[in-house]
PDB file of N, CA and C in Angstrom:
ATOM      1  N   UNK A   1       0.778  -1.257   0.148  1.00  0.00           N
ATOM      2  CA  UNK A   1      -0.046  -0.028  -0.006  1.00  0.00           C
ATOM      3  C   UNK A   1       0.979   1.107   0.188  1.00  0.00           C
ATOM      4  N   UNK A   2       0.869   2.111  -0.961  1.00  0.00           N
ATOM      5  CA  UNK A   2       1.504   3.268  -1.212  1.00  0.00           C
ATOM      6  C   UNK A   2       0.768   4.531  -0.606  1.00  0.00           C
ATOM      7  N   UNK A   3       1.392   5.233   0.346  1.00  0.00           N
ATOM      8  CA  UNK A   3       0.773   6.522   0.864  1.00  0.00           C
ATOM      9  C   UNK A   3       1.264   7.495   0.032  1.00  0.00           C
ATOM     10  N   UNK A   4       0.558   8.571  -0.083  1.00  0.00           N
ATOM     11  CA  UNK A   4       0.710   9.967  -0.611  1.00  0.00           C
ATOM     12  C   UNK A   4       1.392  10.739   0.559  1.00  0.00           C
ATOM     13  N   UNK A   5       2.577  10.909   0.487  1.00  0.00           N
ATOM     14  CA  UNK A   5       3.254  11.663   1.654  1.00  0.00           C
ATOM     15  C   UNK A   5       2.812  12.970   1.664  1.00  0.00           C
ATOM     16  N   UNK A   6       2.522  13.539   0.583  1.00  0.00           N
ATOM     17  CA  UNK A   6       2.193  15.032   0.612  1.00  0.00           C
ATOM     18  C   UNK A   6       0.710  15.307   0.905  1.00  0.00           C
ATOM     19  N   UNK A   7      -0.083  14.150   1.147  1.00  0.00           N
ATOM     20  CA  UNK A   7      -1.655  14.211   1.552  1.00  0.00           C
ATOM     21  C   UNK A   7      -1.490  14.520   2.961  1.00  0.00           C
ATOM     22  N   UNK A   8      -2.317  15.828   3.202  1.00  0.00           N
ATOM     23  CA  UNK A   8      -2.611  16.182   4.616  1.00  0.00           C
ATOM     24  C   UNK A   8      -3.133  15.281   5.363  1.00  0.00           C
ATOM     25  N   UNK A   9      -4.116  14.374   4.814  1.00  0.00           N
ATOM     26  CA  UNK A   9      -4.763  13.377   5.730  1.00  0.00           C
ATOM     27  C   UNK A   9      -3.748  12.182   6.360  1.00  0.00           C
ATOM     28  N   UNK A  10      -2.829  11.978   5.462  1.00  0.00           N
ATOM     29  CA  UNK A  10      -1.799  11.027   5.931  1.00  0.00           C
ATOM     30  C   UNK A  10      -0.922  11.514   6.990  1.00  0.00           C
ATOM     31  N   UNK A  11      -0.668  12.889   6.737  1.00  0.00           N
ATOM     32  CA  UNK A  11       0.153  13.447   7.816  1.00  0.00           C
ATOM     33  C   UNK A  11      -0.436  13.396   9.234  1.00  0.00           C
ATOM     34  N   UNK A  12      -1.736  13.860   9.186  1.00  0.00           N
ATOM     35  CA  UNK A  12      -2.551  14.045  10.489  1.00  0.00           C
ATOM     36  C   UNK A  12      -2.623  12.638  11.092  1.00  0.00           C
ATOM     37  N   UNK A  13      -2.942  11.722  10.100  1.00  0.00           N
ATOM     38  CA  UNK A  13      -3.159  10.309  10.819  1.00  0.00           C
ATOM     39  C   UNK A  13      -1.775   9.876  11.434  1.00  0.00           C
ATOM     40  N   UNK A  14      -0.491  10.164  10.901  1.00  0.00           N
ATOM     41  CA  UNK A  14       0.648   9.790  11.241  1.00  0.00           C
ATOM     42  C   UNK A  14       0.872  10.416  12.510  1.00  0.00           C
ATOM     43  N   UNK A  15       0.767  11.737  12.464  1.00  0.00           N
ATOM     44  CA  UNK A  15       0.823  12.526  13.806  1.00  0.00           C
ATOM     45  C   UNK A  15       0.090  12.051  14.870  1.00  0.00           C
ATOM     46  N   UNK A  16      -1.076  11.875  14.652  1.00  0.00           N
ATOM     47  CA  UNK A  16      -1.862  11.258  15.826  1.00  0.00           C
ATOM     48  C   UNK A  16      -1.494  10.091  16.474  1.00  0.00           C
ATOM     49  N   UNK A  17      -1.074   9.162  15.454  1.00  0.00           N
ATOM     50  CA  UNK A  17      -0.627   7.736  15.752  1.00  0.00           C
ATOM     51  C   UNK A  17       0.720   7.922  16.620  1.00  0.00           C
ATOM     52  N   UNK A  18       1.616   8.960  16.413  1.00  0.00           N
ATOM     53  CA  UNK A  18       3.021   9.071  17.031  1.00  0.00           C
ATOM     54  C   UNK A  18       2.417   9.608  18.376  1.00  0.00           C
ATOM     55  N   UNK A  19       1.615  10.648  18.367  1.00  0.00           N
ATOM     56  CA  UNK A  19       1.307  11.140  19.741  1.00  0.00           C
ATOM     57  C   UNK A  19       0.662   9.996  20.663  1.00  0.00           C
ATOM     58  N   UNK A  20      -0.159   9.104  20.097  1.00  0.00           N
ATOM     59  CA  UNK A  20      -0.865   8.163  21.007  1.00  0.00           C
ATOM     60  C   UNK A  20       0.341   7.180  21.368  1.00  0.00           C
ATOM     61  N   UNK A  21       1.454   6.858  20.706  1.00  0.00           N
ATOM     62  CA  UNK A  21       2.376   5.881  21.055  1.00  0.00           C
ATOM     63  C   UNK A  21       3.112   6.736  22.263  1.00  0.00           C
ATOM     64  N   UNK A  22       3.397   7.965  22.031  1.00  0.00           N
ATOM     65  CA  UNK A  22       4.307   8.597  23.000  1.00  0.00           C
ATOM     66  C   UNK A  22       3.328   8.651  24.434  1.00  0.00           C
ATOM     67  N   UNK A  23       2.152   8.978  24.236  1.00  0.00           N
ATOM     68  CA  UNK A  23       1.273   8.953  25.497  1.00  0.00           C
ATOM     69  C   UNK A  23       1.183   7.557  26.349  1.00  0.00           C
ATOM     70  N   UNK A  24       1.044   6.567  25.325  1.00  0.00           N
ATOM     71  CA  UNK A  24       1.290   5.038  25.925  1.00  0.00           C
ATOM     72  C   UNK A  24       2.351   4.852  26.882  1.00  0.00           C
ATOM     73  N   UNK A  25       3.628   5.226  25.720  1.00  0.00           N
ATOM     74  CA  UNK A  25       4.825   5.059  26.515  1.00  0.00           C
ATOM     75  C   UNK A  25       5.235   5.844  27.601  1.00  0.00           C
ATOM     76  N   UNK A  26       4.691   6.989  27.981  1.00  0.00           N
ATOM     77  CA  UNK A  26       4.882   7.726  29.207  1.00  0.00           C
ATOM     78  C   UNK A  26       4.141   7.244  30.173  1.00  0.00           C
ATOM     79  N   UNK A  27       2.721   6.580  29.834  1.00  0.00           N
ATOM     80  CA  UNK A  27       2.076   6.032  30.822  1.00  0.00           C
ATOM     81  C   UNK A  27       2.768   4.788  31.430  1.00  0.00           C
ATOM     82  N   UNK A  28       3.288   3.866  30.561  1.00  0.00           N
ATOM     83  CA  UNK A  28       4.002   2.785  30.825  1.00  0.00           C
ATOM     84  C   UNK A  28       5.182   2.983  31.792  1.00  0.00           C
ATOM     85  N   UNK A  29       6.110   4.001  31.217  1.00  0.00           N
ATOM     86  CA  UNK A  29       7.205   4.217  32.075  1.00  0.00           C
ATOM     87  C   UNK A  29       6.846   4.787  33.511  1.00  0.00           C
ATOM     88  N   UNK A  30       5.849   5.730  33.619  1.00  0.00           N
ATOM     89  CA  UNK A  30       5.429   5.849  35.071  1.00  0.00           C
ATOM     90  C   UNK A  30       5.039   4.804  35.666  1.00  0.00           C
ATOM     91  N   UNK A  31       4.324   4.002  34.987  1.00  0.00           N
ATOM     92  CA  UNK A  31       3.707   2.724  35.877  1.00  0.00           C
ATOM     93  C   UNK A  31       4.892   2.024  36.336  1.00  0.00           C
ATOM     94  N   UNK A  32       5.792   1.627  35.601  1.00  0.00           N
ATOM     95  CA  UNK A  32       6.884   0.704  35.792  1.00  0.00           C
ATOM     96  C   UNK A  32       7.891   1.552  36.920  1.00  0.00           C
ATOM     97  N   UNK A  33       7.899   2.788  36.475  1.00  0.00           N
ATOM     98  CA  UNK A  33       8.907   3.562  37.719  1.00  0.00           C
ATOM     99  C   UNK A  33       8.156   3.536  39.043  1.00  0.00           C
ATOM    100  N   UNK A  34       6.851   3.810  39.191  1.00  0.00           N
ATOM    101  CA  UNK A  34       6.188   3.780  40.427  1.00  0.00           C
ATOM    102  C   UNK A  34       6.274   2.217  40.991  1.00  0.00           C
ATOM    103  N   UNK A  35       5.946   1.383  40.231  1.00  0.00           N
ATOM    104  CA  UNK A  35       5.762  -0.100  40.615  1.00  0.00           C
ATOM    105  C   UNK A  35       7.072  -0.652  41.437  1.00  0.00           C
ATOM    106  N   UNK A  36       7.831  -0.480  40.602  1.00  0.00           N
ATOM    107  CA  UNK A  36       9.248  -1.115  41.250  1.00  0.00           C
ATOM    108  C   UNK A  36      10.272   0.069  41.661  1.00  0.00           C
ATOM    109  N   UNK A  37       9.699   1.155  41.591  1.00  0.00           N
ATOM    110  CA  UNK A  37      10.583   2.357  42.361  1.00  0.00           C
ATOM    111  C   UNK A  37      11.870   2.615  41.663  1.00  0.00           C
ATOM    112  N   UNK A  38      11.866   2.614  40.265  1.00  0.00           N
ATOM    113  CA  UNK A  38      13.272   2.731  39.452  1.00  0.00           C
ATOM    114  C   UNK A  38      13.033   4.181  38.631  1.00  0.00           C
ATOM    115  N   UNK A  39      14.106   4.890  38.801  1.00  0.00           N
ATOM    116  CA  UNK A  39      14.126   6.143  38.057  1.00  0.00           C
ATOM    117  C   UNK A  39      13.507   5.993  36.507  1.00  0.00           C
ATOM    118  N   UNK A  40      12.873   6.899  36.194  1.00  0.00           N
ATOM    119  CA  UNK A  40      12.200   6.904  34.901  1.00  0.00           C
ATOM    120  C   UNK A  40      13.265   6.807  33.723  1.00  0.00           C
ATOM    121  N   UNK A  41      14.448   7.659  33.838  1.00  0.00           N
ATOM    122  CA  UNK A  41      15.573   7.375  32.815  1.00  0.00           C
ATOM    123  C   UNK A  41      15.949   6.126  32.678  1.00  0.00           C
ATOM    124  N   UNK A  42      16.093   5.336  33.801  1.00  0.00           N
ATOM    125  CA  UNK A  42      16.567   3.999  33.696  1.00  0.00           C
ATOM    126  C   UNK A  42      15.534   2.975  32.961  1.00  0.00           C
ATOM    127  N   UNK A  43      14.291   3.104  33.432  1.00  0.00           N
ATOM    128  CA  UNK A  43      13.177   2.398  32.641  1.00  0.00           C
ATOM    129  C   UNK A  43      13.319   2.634  31.349  1.00  0.00           C
ATOM    130  N   UNK A  44      13.518   3.899  30.732  1.00  0.00           N
ATOM    131  CA  UNK A  44      13.423   4.345  29.503  1.00  0.00           C
ATOM    132  C   UNK A  44      14.752   3.609  28.538  1.00  0.00           C
ATOM    133  N   UNK A  45      15.995   3.832  29.291  1.00  0.00           N
ATOM    134  CA  UNK A  45      17.072   3.132  28.672  1.00  0.00           C
ATOM    135  C   UNK A  45      16.953   1.662  28.463  1.00  0.00           C
ATOM    136  N   UNK A  46      16.407   1.075  29.547  1.00  0.00           N
ATOM    137  CA  UNK A  46      16.328  -0.562  29.579  1.00  0.00           C
ATOM    138  C   UNK A  46      15.306  -0.789  28.490  1.00  0.00           C
ATOM    139  N   UNK A  47      14.288  -0.061  28.306  1.00  0.00           N
ATOM    140  CA  UNK A  47      13.246  -0.345  27.502  1.00  0.00           C
ATOM    141  C   UNK A  47      13.681  -0.314  26.029  1.00  0.00           C
ATOM    142  N   UNK A  48      14.678   0.740  25.647  1.00  0.00           N
ATOM    143  CA  UNK A  48      15.238   0.868  24.407  1.00  0.00           C
ATOM    144  C   UNK A  48      16.274  -0.174  24.118  1.00  0.00           C
ATOM    145  N   UNK A  49      16.952  -0.603  25.128  1.00  0.00           N
ATOM    146  CA  UNK A  49      17.857  -1.799  24.860  1.00  0.00           C
ATOM    147  C   UNK A  49      16.983  -3.149  24.440  1.00  0.00           C
ATOM    148  N   UNK A  50      15.872  -3.200  25.058  1.00  0.00           N
ATOM    149  CA  UNK A  50      15.115  -4.606  24.827  1.00  0.00           C
ATOM    150  C   UNK A  50      14.542  -4.369  23.431  1.00  0.00           C
ATOM    151  N   UNK A  51      14.377  -3.120  23.047  1.00  0.00           N
ATOM    152  CA  UNK A  51      13.707  -3.120  21.874  1.00  0.00           C
ATOM    153  C   UNK A  51      14.551  -3.303  20.367  1.00  0.00           C
ATOM    154  N   UNK A  52      15.832  -3.360  20.615  1.00  0.00           N
ATOM    155  CA  UNK A  52      16.712  -3.429  19.506  1.00  0.00           C
ATOM    156  C   UNK A  52      17.419  -4.621  19.603  1.00  0.00           C
TER     157      UNK A  52
END
């Protein structure tokens, strides 16, 4: 499926998807940080290491 990158609709959809991911990610980091009392930066670092 080919997207028209210049299409405004596509950009809006992509942007809202990225924002949703960012919000979910922040929520996840806050939850883990509170649950196990780990600093947020550490949770973030370990998460990125796991995902690659």
